[in-house]
Amino acid sequence: MKFKEGGQNFRIFHTEGIKHAPVDENIGQTFVLMIASHDRVQQLVGVAGNAVYLGSENYKSERERIADLLELKDLWRDLWMLPKIQSKYGGDVSKFQAKHNRDFTWVPN
């Protein structure tokens, strides 16, 4: 996902938790290598430079701001169309919506 703000281009992506990495001490010096696997072959599909991890509680308001900007809350319909999502929630769309509404601001971490 991408957006432009203040004349600068930004890209947003989700990463898994990083535990105790010193991310705040290395803001602007972090690079993220994005790797995808297909048919048991791993390929480098992107590099993010000057990355900022927004997962800590200090960045909650920024995650919420970006989630609103990208209208992530509205993506629940697209997500629900995926058979894997429907299966995970046993076909219960209200159960999925509750989880999505609670967690959608976590996407731009």
C-alpha atoms as a PDB file:
ATOM      1  CA  MET A   1       0.000   0.000   0.000  1.00  0.00           C
ATOM      2  CA  LYS A   2       1.271   3.437  -0.726  1.00  0.00           C
ATOM      3  CA  PHE A   3       0.361   7.051  -0.188  1.00  0.00           C
ATOM      4  CA  LYS A   4       1.861  10.475  -0.676  1.00  0.00           C
ATOM      5  CA  GLU A   5       2.128  13.000   2.119  1.00  0.00           C
ATOM      6  CA  GLY A   6       4.023  16.270   2.294  1.00  0.00           C
ATOM      7  CA  GLY A   7       5.361  15.685  -1.221  1.00  0.00           C
ATOM      8  CA  GLN A   8       7.003  12.428  -0.160  1.00  0.00           C
ATOM      9  CA  ASN A   9       6.038   8.911  -1.235  1.00  0.00           C
ATOM     10  CA  PHE A  10       5.456   6.262   1.442  1.00  0.00           C
ATOM     11  CA  ARG A  11       4.806   2.541   1.288  1.00  0.00           C
ATOM     12  CA  ILE A  12       3.116   0.626   4.085  1.00  0.00           C
ATOM     13  CA  PHE A  13       3.470  -3.076   4.721  1.00  0.00           C
ATOM     14  CA  HIS A  14       2.914  -5.482   7.549  1.00  0.00           C
ATOM     15  CA  THR A  15       5.682  -7.435   9.248  1.00  0.00           C
ATOM     16  CA  GLU A  16       5.511 -10.011  11.964  1.00  0.00           C
ATOM     17  CA  GLY A  17       6.582  -9.057  15.468  1.00  0.00           C
ATOM     18  CA  ILE A  18      10.268  -8.373  15.920  1.00  0.00           C
ATOM     19  CA  LYS A  19      10.531  -9.090  19.645  1.00  0.00           C
ATOM     20  CA  HIS A  20      13.390  -7.159  21.253  1.00  0.00           C
ATOM     21  CA  ALA A  21      15.165  -5.672  18.230  1.00  0.00           C
ATOM     22  CA  PRO A  22      16.475  -2.134  18.926  1.00  0.00           C
ATOM     23  CA  VAL A  23      14.200  -0.505  16.345  1.00  0.00           C
ATOM     24  CA  ASP A  24      13.767   2.899  17.993  1.00  0.00           C
ATOM     25  CA  GLU A  25      17.526   3.335  18.293  1.00  0.00           C
ATOM     26  CA  ASN A  26      17.930   2.636  14.563  1.00  0.00           C
ATOM     27  CA  ILE A  27      15.148   4.746  13.017  1.00  0.00           C
ATOM     28  CA  GLY A  28      16.088   5.712   9.484  1.00  0.00           C
ATOM     29  CA  GLN A  29      18.899   3.174   9.398  1.00  0.00           C
ATOM     30  CA  THR A  30      16.696   0.099   9.041  1.00  0.00           C
ATOM     31  CA  PHE A  31      16.363  -1.873   5.819  1.00  0.00           C
ATOM     32  CA  VAL A  32      13.778  -4.586   5.353  1.00  0.00           C
ATOM     33  CA  LEU A  33      14.257  -7.337   2.777  1.00  0.00           C
ATOM     34  CA  MET A  34      10.956  -8.729   1.524  1.00  0.00           C
ATOM     35  CA  ILE A  35      11.172 -12.347   0.434  1.00  0.00           C
ATOM     36  CA  ALA A  36       8.404 -14.443  -1.112  1.00  0.00           C
ATOM     37  CA  SER A  37       8.378 -18.199  -1.590  1.00  0.00           C
ATOM     38  CA  HIS A  38       6.733 -19.969  -4.502  1.00  0.00           C
ATOM     39  CA  ASP A  39       7.194 -23.606  -5.480  1.00  0.00           C
ATOM     40  CA  ARG A  40       9.865 -23.908  -2.773  1.00  0.00           C
ATOM     41  CA  VAL A  41      11.930 -21.112  -4.321  1.00  0.00           C
ATOM     42  CA  GLN A  42      12.595 -18.010  -2.266  1.00  0.00           C
ATOM     43  CA  GLN A  43      12.914 -14.748  -4.163  1.00  0.00           C
ATOM     44  CA  LEU A  44      13.806 -11.238  -3.084  1.00  0.00           C
ATOM     45  CA  VAL A  45      10.787  -9.139  -4.085  1.00  0.00           C
ATOM     46  CA  GLY A  46      11.602  -5.824  -2.484  1.00  0.00           C
ATOM     47  CA  VAL A  47      13.819  -3.750  -0.279  1.00  0.00           C
ATOM     48  CA  ALA A  48      12.561  -1.001   2.025  1.00  0.00           C
ATOM     49  CA  GLY A  49      15.172   1.543   3.062  1.00  0.00           C
ATOM     50  CA  ASN A  50      14.846   4.066   5.883  1.00  0.00           C
ATOM     51  CA  ALA A  51      12.117   1.857   7.342  1.00  0.00           C
ATOM     52  CA  VAL A  52      10.434   2.749  10.617  1.00  0.00           C
ATOM     53  CA  TYR A  53       8.826   0.005  12.671  1.00  0.00           C
ATOM     54  CA  LEU A  54       5.561   1.319  14.120  1.00  0.00           C
ATOM     55  CA  GLY A  55       4.804  -1.671  16.317  1.00  0.00           C
ATOM     56  CA  SER A  56       5.583  -0.186  19.705  1.00  0.00           C
ATOM     57  CA  GLU A  57       2.935   1.504  21.824  1.00  0.00           C
ATOM     58  CA  ASN A  58       4.713   4.837  21.199  1.00  0.00           C
ATOM     59  CA  TYR A  59       3.497   4.712  17.589  1.00  0.00           C
ATOM     60  CA  LYS A  60      -0.094   3.649  18.173  1.00  0.00           C
ATOM     61  CA  SER A  61      -1.554   7.023  17.137  1.00  0.00           C
ATOM     62  CA  GLU A  62       0.556   6.999  13.954  1.00  0.00           C
ATOM     63  CA  ARG A  63      -0.642   3.468  13.080  1.00  0.00           C
ATOM     64  CA  GLU A  64      -4.233   4.613  13.626  1.00  0.00           C
ATOM     65  CA  ARG A  65      -3.705   7.725  11.501  1.00  0.00           C
ATOM     66  CA  ILE A  66      -2.228   5.713   8.626  1.00  0.00           C
ATOM     67  CA  ALA A  67      -4.935   3.042   8.888  1.00  0.00           C
ATOM     68  CA  ASP A  68      -7.586   5.774   8.592  1.00  0.00           C
ATOM     69  CA  LEU A  69      -5.750   7.414   5.699  1.00  0.00           C
ATOM     70  CA  LEU A  70      -5.635   4.084   3.816  1.00  0.00           C
ATOM     71  CA  GLU A  71      -9.217   3.212   4.827  1.00  0.00           C
ATOM     72  CA  LEU A  72      -8.072  -0.189   6.095  1.00  0.00           C
ATOM     73  CA  LYS A  73     -11.211  -0.713   8.159  1.00  0.00           C
ATOM     74  CA  ASP A  74     -13.214  -0.907   4.910  1.00  0.00           C
ATOM     75  CA  LEU A  75     -11.100  -3.785   3.556  1.00  0.00           C
ATOM     76  CA  TRP A  76     -12.972  -6.353   5.640  1.00  0.00           C
ATOM     77  CA  ARG A  77     -15.314  -7.164   2.710  1.00  0.00           C
ATOM     78  CA  ASP A  78     -12.406  -7.969   0.404  1.00  0.00           C
ATOM     79  CA  LEU A  79     -10.772 -10.075   3.091  1.00  0.00           C
ATOM     80  CA  TRP A  80     -14.004 -11.941   3.815  1.00  0.00           C
ATOM     81  CA  MET A  81     -14.177 -13.049   0.162  1.00  0.00           C
ATOM     82  CA  LEU A  82     -11.056 -15.180   0.679  1.00  0.00           C
ATOM     83  CA  PRO A  83     -11.992 -18.831   1.321  1.00  0.00           C
ATOM     84  CA  LYS A  84      -9.147 -19.192   3.840  1.00  0.00           C
ATOM     85  CA  ILE A  85     -10.551 -16.343   5.964  1.00  0.00           C
ATOM     86  CA  GLN A  86     -14.076 -17.756   5.852  1.00  0.00           C
ATOM     87  CA  SER A  87     -12.754 -21.166   6.839  1.00  0.00           C
ATOM     88  CA  LYS A  88     -10.684 -19.766   9.711  1.00  0.00           C
ATOM     89  CA  TYR A  89     -13.775 -18.110  11.185  1.00  0.00           C
ATOM     90  CA  GLY A  90     -16.105 -21.031  10.481  1.00  0.00           C
ATOM     91  CA  GLY A  91     -18.194 -18.939   8.088  1.00  0.00           C
ATOM     92  CA  ASP A  92     -19.102 -16.508  10.890  1.00  0.00           C
ATOM     93  CA  VAL A  93     -18.727 -13.063   9.316  1.00  0.00           C
ATOM     94  CA  SER A  94     -19.600 -11.223  12.543  1.00  0.00           C
ATOM     95  CA  LYS A  95     -16.823 -13.050  14.395  1.00  0.00           C
ATOM     96  CA  PHE A  96     -14.375 -12.045  11.654  1.00  0.00           C
ATOM     97  CA  GLN A  97     -15.594  -8.426  11.659  1.00  0.00           C
ATOM     98  CA  ALA A  98     -15.101  -8.171  15.407  1.00  0.00           C
ATOM     99  CA  LYS A  99     -11.490  -9.361  15.067  1.00  0.00           C
ATOM    100  CA  HIS A 100     -10.841  -7.137  12.047  1.00  0.00           C
ATOM    101  CA  ASN A 101     -12.313  -4.039  13.718  1.00  0.00           C
ATOM    102  CA  ARG A 102     -10.132  -4.647  16.757  1.00  0.00           C
ATOM    103  CA  ASP A 103      -6.900  -5.276  14.813  1.00  0.00           C
ATOM    104  CA  PHE A 104      -6.959  -3.387  11.484  1.00  0.00           C
ATOM    105  CA  THR A 105      -4.818  -0.556  12.856  1.00  0.00           C
ATOM    106  CA  TRP A 106      -2.028  -3.083  13.410  1.00  0.00           C
ATOM    107  CA  VAL A 107      -1.487  -3.527   9.641  1.00  0.00           C
ATOM    108  CA  PRO A 108       0.778  -0.489   9.139  1.00  0.00           C
ATOM    109  CA  ASN A 109       3.315  -1.532  11.738  1.00  0.00           C
END
